[in-house]
Amino acid sequence: RITSSGNIFYADAVKGRFTISRDNAKNTM
């Protein structure tokens, strides 16, 4: 998950392998 302020959480199963990001101007994750 990622908040509008940029705080990020990863489940242990994917940490180190997956990367979440968002473009607030485009409302795209």
PDB file of all heavy atoms in Angstrom:
ATOM      1  N   ARG A   1       0.833  -1.188   0.000  1.00  0.00           N
ATOM      2  CA  ARG A   1       0.000   0.000   0.000  1.00  0.00           C
ATOM      3  C   ARG A   1       0.872   1.244   0.000  1.00  0.00           C
ATOM      4  O   ARG A   1       2.023   1.224   0.458  1.00  0.00           O
ATOM      5  CB  ARG A   1      -0.958   0.013   1.194  1.00  0.00           C
ATOM      6  CG  ARG A   1      -0.282   0.203   2.541  1.00  0.00           C
ATOM      7  CD  ARG A   1      -1.289   0.225   3.668  1.00  0.00           C
ATOM      8  NE  ARG A   1      -0.657   0.447   4.962  1.00  0.00           N
ATOM      9  CZ  ARG A   1      -1.283   0.456   6.125  1.00  0.00           C
ATOM     10  NH1 ARG A   1      -2.585   0.227   6.170  1.00  0.00           N
ATOM     11  NH2 ARG A   1      -0.621   0.679   7.241  1.00  0.00           N
ATOM     12  N   ILE A   2       0.300   2.320  -0.496  1.00  0.00           N
ATOM     13  CA  ILE A   2       1.000   3.594  -0.557  1.00  0.00           C
ATOM     14  C   ILE A   2      -0.006   4.709  -0.317  1.00  0.00           C
ATOM     15  O   ILE A   2      -1.083   4.732  -0.904  1.00  0.00           O
ATOM     16  CB  ILE A   2       1.742   3.757  -1.902  1.00  0.00           C
ATOM     17  CG1 ILE A   2       2.530   5.062  -1.936  1.00  0.00           C
ATOM     18  CG2 ILE A   2       0.774   3.649  -3.080  1.00  0.00           C
ATOM     19  CD1 ILE A   2       3.510   5.126  -3.105  1.00  0.00           C
ATOM     20  N   THR A   3       0.335   5.637   0.558  1.00  0.00           N
ATOM     21  CA  THR A   3      -0.542   6.753   0.864  1.00  0.00           C
ATOM     22  C   THR A   3      -0.255   7.913  -0.064  1.00  0.00           C
ATOM     23  O   THR A   3       0.751   7.944  -0.779  1.00  0.00           O
ATOM     24  CB  THR A   3      -0.380   7.205   2.315  1.00  0.00           C
ATOM     25  OG1 THR A   3       0.896   7.846   2.478  1.00  0.00           O
ATOM     26  CG2 THR A   3      -0.474   6.027   3.280  1.00  0.00           C
ATOM     27  N   SER A   4      -1.149   8.893  -0.035  1.00  0.00           N
ATOM     28  CA  SER A   4      -0.974  10.075  -0.867  1.00  0.00           C
ATOM     29  C   SER A   4       0.245  10.890  -0.461  1.00  0.00           C
ATOM     30  O   SER A   4       0.735  11.696  -1.260  1.00  0.00           O
ATOM     31  CB  SER A   4      -2.228  10.947  -0.840  1.00  0.00           C
ATOM     32  OG  SER A   4      -2.662  11.181   0.481  1.00  0.00           O
ATOM     33  N   SER A   5       0.741  10.683   0.757  1.00  0.00           N
ATOM     34  CA  SER A   5       1.949  11.353   1.209  1.00  0.00           C
ATOM     35  C   SER A   5       3.214  10.542   0.962  1.00  0.00           C
ATOM     36  O   SER A   5       4.317  11.005   1.274  1.00  0.00           O
ATOM     37  CB  SER A   5       1.845  11.705   2.693  1.00  0.00           C
ATOM     38  OG  SER A   5       1.717  10.550   3.486  1.00  0.00           O
ATOM     39  N   GLY A   6       3.069   9.327   0.421  1.00  0.00           N
ATOM     40  CA  GLY A   6       4.220   8.536   0.048  1.00  0.00           C
ATOM     41  C   GLY A   6       4.645   7.472   1.029  1.00  0.00           C
ATOM     42  O   GLY A   6       5.685   6.830   0.818  1.00  0.00           O
ATOM     43  N   ASN A   7       3.898   7.254   2.095  1.00  0.00           N
ATOM     44  CA  ASN A   7       4.232   6.191   3.028  1.00  0.00           C
ATOM     45  C   ASN A   7       3.904   4.834   2.412  1.00  0.00           C
ATOM     46  O   ASN A   7       2.839   4.652   1.833  1.00  0.00           O
ATOM     47  CB  ASN A   7       3.477   6.363   4.341  1.00  0.00           C
ATOM     48  CG  ASN A   7       3.858   7.626   5.066  1.00  0.00           C
ATOM     49  OD1 ASN A   7       3.054   8.543   5.210  1.00  0.00           O
ATOM     50  ND2 ASN A   7       5.101   7.690   5.523  1.00  0.00           N
ATOM     51  N   ILE A   8       4.799   3.876   2.566  1.00  0.00           N
ATOM     52  CA  ILE A   8       4.723   2.604   1.863  1.00  0.00           C
ATOM     53  C   ILE A   8       4.796   1.445   2.838  1.00  0.00           C
ATOM     54  O   ILE A   8       5.548   1.476   3.816  1.00  0.00           O
ATOM     55  CB  ILE A   8       5.855   2.506   0.826  1.00  0.00           C
ATOM     56  CG1 ILE A   8       5.625   3.510  -0.302  1.00  0.00           C
ATOM     57  CG2 ILE A   8       5.974   1.088   0.284  1.00  0.00           C
ATOM     58  CD1 ILE A   8       6.770   3.603  -1.283  1.00  0.00           C
ATOM     59  N   PHE A   9       4.019   0.426   2.544  1.00  0.00           N
ATOM     60  CA  PHE A   9       4.048  -0.831   3.275  1.00  0.00           C
ATOM     61  C   PHE A   9       4.149  -1.980   2.285  1.00  0.00           C
ATOM     62  O   PHE A   9       3.510  -1.959   1.231  1.00  0.00           O
ATOM     63  CB  PHE A   9       2.780  -1.001   4.120  1.00  0.00           C
ATOM     64  CG  PHE A   9       2.592  -2.385   4.656  1.00  0.00           C
ATOM     65  CD1 PHE A   9       3.206  -2.779   5.826  1.00  0.00           C
ATOM     66  CD2 PHE A   9       1.807  -3.300   3.975  1.00  0.00           C
ATOM     67  CE1 PHE A   9       3.043  -4.062   6.316  1.00  0.00           C
ATOM     68  CE2 PHE A   9       1.633  -4.580   4.455  1.00  0.00           C
ATOM     69  CZ  PHE A   9       2.261  -4.961   5.634  1.00  0.00           C
ATOM     70  N   TYR A  10       4.949  -2.993   2.626  1.00  0.00           N
ATOM     71  CA  TYR A  10       5.026  -4.224   1.847  1.00  0.00           C
ATOM     72  C   TYR A  10       4.771  -5.425   2.741  1.00  0.00           C
ATOM     73  O   TYR A  10       5.254  -5.477   3.877  1.00  0.00           O
ATOM     74  CB  TYR A  10       6.405  -4.410   1.220  1.00  0.00           C
ATOM     75  CG  TYR A  10       6.772  -3.396   0.168  1.00  0.00           C
ATOM     76  CD1 TYR A  10       7.660  -2.368   0.454  1.00  0.00           C
ATOM     77  CD2 TYR A  10       6.247  -3.483  -1.113  1.00  0.00           C
ATOM     78  CE1 TYR A  10       8.010  -1.445  -0.511  1.00  0.00           C
ATOM     79  CE2 TYR A  10       6.591  -2.560  -2.082  1.00  0.00           C
ATOM     80  CZ  TYR A  10       7.475  -1.544  -1.773  1.00  0.00           C
ATOM     81  OH  TYR A  10       7.822  -0.631  -2.740  1.00  0.00           O
ATOM     82  N   ALA A  11       4.047  -6.379   2.217  1.00  0.00           N
ATOM     83  CA  ALA A  11       3.946  -7.659   2.895  1.00  0.00           C
ATOM     84  C   ALA A  11       5.301  -8.350   2.886  1.00  0.00           C
ATOM     85  O   ALA A  11       6.097  -8.192   1.957  1.00  0.00           O
ATOM     86  CB  ALA A  11       2.900  -8.540   2.210  1.00  0.00           C
ATOM     87  N   ASP A  12       5.569  -9.124   3.931  1.00  0.00           N
ATOM     88  CA  ASP A  12       6.857  -9.802   4.026  1.00  0.00           C
ATOM     89  C   ASP A  12       7.136 -10.690   2.816  1.00  0.00           C
ATOM     90  O   ASP A  12       8.288 -10.828   2.391  1.00  0.00           O
ATOM     91  CB  ASP A  12       6.917 -10.637   5.304  1.00  0.00           C
ATOM     92  CG  ASP A  12       7.028  -9.792   6.555  1.00  0.00           C
ATOM     93  OD1 ASP A  12       7.394  -8.610   6.456  1.00  0.00           O
ATOM     94  OD2 ASP A  12       6.751 -10.336   7.646  1.00  0.00           O
ATOM     95  N   ALA A  13       6.103 -11.276   2.252  1.00  0.00           N
ATOM     96  CA  ALA A  13       6.281 -12.212   1.156  1.00  0.00           C
ATOM     97  C   ALA A  13       6.824 -11.559  -0.109  1.00  0.00           C
ATOM     98  O   ALA A  13       7.393 -12.249  -0.962  1.00  0.00           O
ATOM     99  CB  ALA A  13       4.961 -12.918   0.849  1.00  0.00           C
ATOM    100  N   VAL A  14       6.660 -10.248  -0.241  1.00  0.00           N
ATOM    101  CA  VAL A  14       7.077  -9.573  -1.466  1.00  0.00           C
ATOM    102  C   VAL A  14       8.159  -8.535  -1.230  1.00  0.00           C
ATOM    103  O   VAL A  14       8.707  -7.989  -2.200  1.00  0.00           O
ATOM    104  CB  VAL A  14       5.881  -8.918  -2.184  1.00  0.00           C
ATOM    105  CG1 VAL A  14       4.771  -9.928  -2.414  1.00  0.00           C
ATOM    106  CG2 VAL A  14       5.364  -7.720  -1.390  1.00  0.00           C
ATOM    107  N   LYS A  15       8.482  -8.266   0.011  1.00  0.00           N
ATOM    108  CA  LYS A  15       9.469  -7.236   0.318  1.00  0.00           C
ATOM    109  C   LYS A  15      10.812  -7.568  -0.318  1.00  0.00           C
ATOM    110  O   LYS A  15      11.306  -8.683  -0.214  1.00  0.00           O
ATOM    111  CB  LYS A  15       9.617  -7.079   1.830  1.00  0.00           C
ATOM    112  CG  LYS A  15      10.397  -5.850   2.244  1.00  0.00           C
ATOM    113  CD  LYS A  15      10.338  -5.642   3.752  1.00  0.00           C
ATOM    114  CE  LYS A  15      11.035  -4.353   4.160  1.00  0.00           C
ATOM    115  NZ  LYS A  15      10.944  -4.114   5.619  1.00  0.00           N
ATOM    116  N   GLY A  16      11.384  -6.577  -0.976  1.00  0.00           N
ATOM    117  CA  GLY A  16      12.642  -6.766  -1.669  1.00  0.00           C
ATOM    118  C   GLY A  16      12.496  -7.180  -3.113  1.00  0.00           C
ATOM    119  O   GLY A  16      13.466  -7.101  -3.872  1.00  0.00           O
ATOM    120  N   ARG A  17      11.311  -7.624  -3.508  1.00  0.00           N
ATOM    121  CA  ARG A  17      11.061  -8.049  -4.882  1.00  0.00           C
ATOM    122  C   ARG A  17      10.101  -7.122  -5.620  1.00  0.00           C
ATOM    123  O   ARG A  17      10.235  -6.939  -6.828  1.00  0.00           O
ATOM    124  CB  ARG A  17      10.505  -9.470  -4.915  1.00  0.00           C
ATOM    125  CG  ARG A  17      11.441 -10.510  -4.322  1.00  0.00           C
ATOM    126  CD  ARG A  17      10.910 -11.917  -4.544  1.00  0.00           C
ATOM    127  NE  ARG A  17       9.632 -12.136  -3.860  1.00  0.00           N
ATOM    128  CZ  ARG A  17       8.499 -12.476  -4.474  1.00  0.00           C
ATOM    129  NH1 ARG A  17       8.482 -12.651  -5.791  1.00  0.00           N
ATOM    130  NH2 ARG A  17       7.392 -12.666  -3.773  1.00  0.00           N
ATOM    131  N   PHE A  18       9.124  -6.578  -4.901  1.00  0.00           N
ATOM    132  CA  PHE A  18       8.115  -5.714  -5.499  1.00  0.00           C
ATOM    133  C   PHE A  18       8.362  -4.267  -5.095  1.00  0.00           C
ATOM    134  O   PHE A  18       8.858  -3.988  -3.996  1.00  0.00           O
ATOM    135  CB  PHE A  18       6.706  -6.110  -5.041  1.00  0.00           C
ATOM    136  CG  PHE A  18       6.218  -7.437  -5.538  1.00  0.00           C
ATOM    137  CD1 PHE A  18       7.043  -8.312  -6.215  1.00  0.00           C
ATOM    138  CD2 PHE A  18       4.898  -7.802  -5.318  1.00  0.00           C
ATOM    139  CE1 PHE A  18       6.589  -9.545  -6.667  1.00  0.00           C
ATOM    140  CE2 PHE A  18       4.420  -9.024  -5.765  1.00  0.00           C
ATOM    141  CZ  PHE A  18       5.265  -9.894  -6.437  1.00  0.00           C
ATOM    142  N   THR A  19       7.983  -3.354  -5.973  1.00  0.00           N
ATOM    143  CA  THR A  19       8.090  -1.938  -5.697  1.00  0.00           C
ATOM    144  C   THR A  19       6.788  -1.249  -6.076  1.00  0.00           C
ATOM    145  O   THR A  19       6.337  -1.361  -7.215  1.00  0.00           O
ATOM    146  CB  THR A  19       9.251  -1.292  -6.468  1.00  0.00           C
ATOM    147  OG1 THR A  19      10.481  -1.943  -6.132  1.00  0.00           O
ATOM    148  CG2 THR A  19       9.364   0.187  -6.106  1.00  0.00           C
ATOM    149  N   ILE A  20       6.200  -0.545  -5.125  1.00  0.00           N
ATOM    150  CA  ILE A  20       4.972   0.196  -5.375  1.00  0.00           C
ATOM    151  C   ILE A  20       5.312   1.667  -5.575  1.00  0.00           C
ATOM    152  O   ILE A  20       6.247   2.189  -4.963  1.00  0.00           O
ATOM    153  CB  ILE A  20       3.961   0.005  -4.218  1.00  0.00           C
ATOM    154  CG1 ILE A  20       2.578   0.522  -4.612  1.00  0.00           C
ATOM    155  CG2 ILE A  20       4.452   0.682  -2.943  1.00  0.00           C
ATOM    156  CD1 ILE A  20       1.488   0.161  -3.601  1.00  0.00           C
ATOM    157  N   SER A  21       4.558   2.319  -6.435  1.00  0.00           N
ATOM    158  CA  SER A  21       4.738   3.741  -6.668  1.00  0.00           C
ATOM    159  C   SER A  21       3.419   4.332  -7.137  1.00  0.00           C
ATOM    160  O   SER A  21       2.487   3.600  -7.494  1.00  0.00           O
ATOM    161  CB  SER A  21       5.853   4.006  -7.690  1.00  0.00           C
ATOM    162  OG  SER A  21       5.537   3.432  -8.943  1.00  0.00           O
ATOM    163  N   ARG A  22       3.340   5.650  -7.120  1.00  0.00           N
ATOM    164  CA  ARG A  22       2.135   6.315  -7.605  1.00  0.00           C
ATOM    165  C   ARG A  22       2.488   7.661  -8.208  1.00  0.00           C
ATOM    166  O   ARG A  22       3.445   8.317  -7.789  1.00  0.00           O
ATOM    167  CB  ARG A  22       1.090   6.479  -6.490  1.00  0.00           C
ATOM    168  CG  ARG A  22       1.517   7.359  -5.330  1.00  0.00           C
ATOM    169  CD  ARG A  22       0.501   7.298  -4.188  1.00  0.00           C
ATOM    170  NE  ARG A  22      -0.751   7.958  -4.529  1.00  0.00           N
ATOM    171  CZ  ARG A  22      -1.872   7.886  -3.802  1.00  0.00           C
ATOM    172  NH1 ARG A  22      -1.893   7.146  -2.692  1.00  0.00           N
ATOM    173  NH2 ARG A  22      -2.959   8.532  -4.191  1.00  0.00           N
ATOM    174  N   ASP A  23       1.702   8.036  -9.181  1.00  0.00           N
ATOM    175  CA  ASP A  23       1.797   9.333  -9.822  1.00  0.00           C
ATOM    176  C   ASP A  23       0.519  10.065  -9.458  1.00  0.00           C
ATOM    177  O   ASP A  23      -0.539   9.810 -10.036  1.00  0.00           O
ATOM    178  CB  ASP A  23       1.947   9.178 -11.331  1.00  0.00           C
ATOM    179  CG  ASP A  23       2.149  10.501 -12.043  1.00  0.00           C
ATOM    180  OD1 ASP A  23       1.741  11.550 -11.523  1.00  0.00           O
ATOM    181  OD2 ASP A  23       2.728  10.479 -13.155  1.00  0.00           O
ATOM    182  N   ASN A  24       0.598  10.960  -8.483  1.00  0.00           N
ATOM    183  CA  ASN A  24      -0.598  11.626  -7.983  1.00  0.00           C
ATOM    184  C   ASN A  24      -1.254  12.509  -9.041  1.00  0.00           C
ATOM    185  O   ASN A  24      -2.483  12.635  -9.069  1.00  0.00           O
ATOM    186  CB  ASN A  24      -0.264  12.460  -6.748  1.00  0.00           C
ATOM    187  CG  ASN A  24       0.044  11.610  -5.531  1.00  0.00           C
ATOM    188  OD1 ASN A  24      -0.454  10.496  -5.398  1.00  0.00           O
ATOM    189  ND2 ASN A  24       0.864  12.140  -4.632  1.00  0.00           N
ATOM    190  N   ALA A  25      -0.458  13.118  -9.895  1.00  0.00           N
ATOM    191  CA  ALA A  25      -1.014  13.972 -10.937  1.00  0.00           C
ATOM    192  C   ALA A  25      -1.879  13.181 -11.903  1.00  0.00           C
ATOM    193  O   ALA A  25      -2.854  13.705 -12.445  1.00  0.00           O
ATOM    194  CB  ALA A  25       0.100  14.690 -11.683  1.00  0.00           C
ATOM    195  N   LYS A  26      -1.532  11.922 -12.125  1.00  0.00           N
ATOM    196  CA  LYS A  26      -2.278  11.069 -13.038  1.00  0.00           C
ATOM    197  C   LYS A  26      -3.184  10.074 -12.322  1.00  0.00           C
ATOM    198  O   LYS A  26      -3.864   9.287 -12.985  1.00  0.00           O
ATOM    199  CB  LYS A  26      -1.321  10.311 -13.945  1.00  0.00           C
ATOM    200  CG  LYS A  26      -0.508  11.211 -14.859  1.00  0.00           C
ATOM    201  CD  LYS A  26       0.389  10.395 -15.778  1.00  0.00           C
ATOM    202  CE  LYS A  26       1.153  11.289 -16.727  1.00  0.00           C
ATOM    203  NZ  LYS A  26       2.028  10.512 -17.636  1.00  0.00           N
ATOM    204  N   ASN A  27      -3.185  10.119 -10.993  1.00  0.00           N
ATOM    205  CA  ASN A  27      -3.969   9.174 -10.193  1.00  0.00           C
ATOM    206  C   ASN A  27      -3.721   7.740 -10.629  1.00  0.00           C
ATOM    207  O   ASN A  27      -4.653   6.940 -10.767  1.00  0.00           O
ATOM    208  CB  ASN A  27      -5.459   9.516 -10.270  1.00  0.00           C
ATOM    209  CG  ASN A  27      -5.799  10.792  -9.543  1.00  0.00           C
ATOM    210  OD1 ASN A  27      -5.322  11.030  -8.431  1.00  0.00           O
ATOM    211  ND2 ASN A  27      -6.634  11.625 -10.151  1.00  0.00           N
ATOM    212  N   THR A  28      -2.475   7.424 -10.815  1.00  0.00           N
ATOM    213  CA  THR A  28      -2.080   6.107 -11.281  1.00  0.00           C
ATOM    214  C   THR A  28      -1.109   5.480 -10.296  1.00  0.00           C
ATOM    215  O   THR A  28      -0.182   6.132  -9.821  1.00  0.00           O
ATOM    216  CB  THR A  28      -1.443   6.182 -12.672  1.00  0.00           C
ATOM    217  OG1 THR A  28      -2.370   6.763 -13.587  1.00  0.00           O
ATOM    218  CG2 THR A  28      -1.063   4.794 -13.161  1.00  0.00           C
ATOM    219  N   MET A  29      -1.327   4.210 -10.013  1.00  0.00           N
ATOM    220  CA  MET A  29      -0.474   3.442  -9.118  1.00  0.00           C
ATOM    221  C   MET A  29       0.153   2.300  -9.897  1.00  0.00           C
ATOM    222  O   MET A  29      -0.471   1.731 -10.794  1.00  0.00           O
ATOM    223  CB  MET A  29      -1.298   2.896  -7.948  1.00  0.00           C
ATOM    224  CG  MET A  29      -0.518   2.019  -6.989  1.00  0.00           C
ATOM    225  SD  MET A  29      -1.532   1.412  -5.609  1.00  0.00           S
ATOM    226  CE  MET A  29      -2.753   0.425  -6.481  1.00  0.00           C
TER     227      MET A  29
END
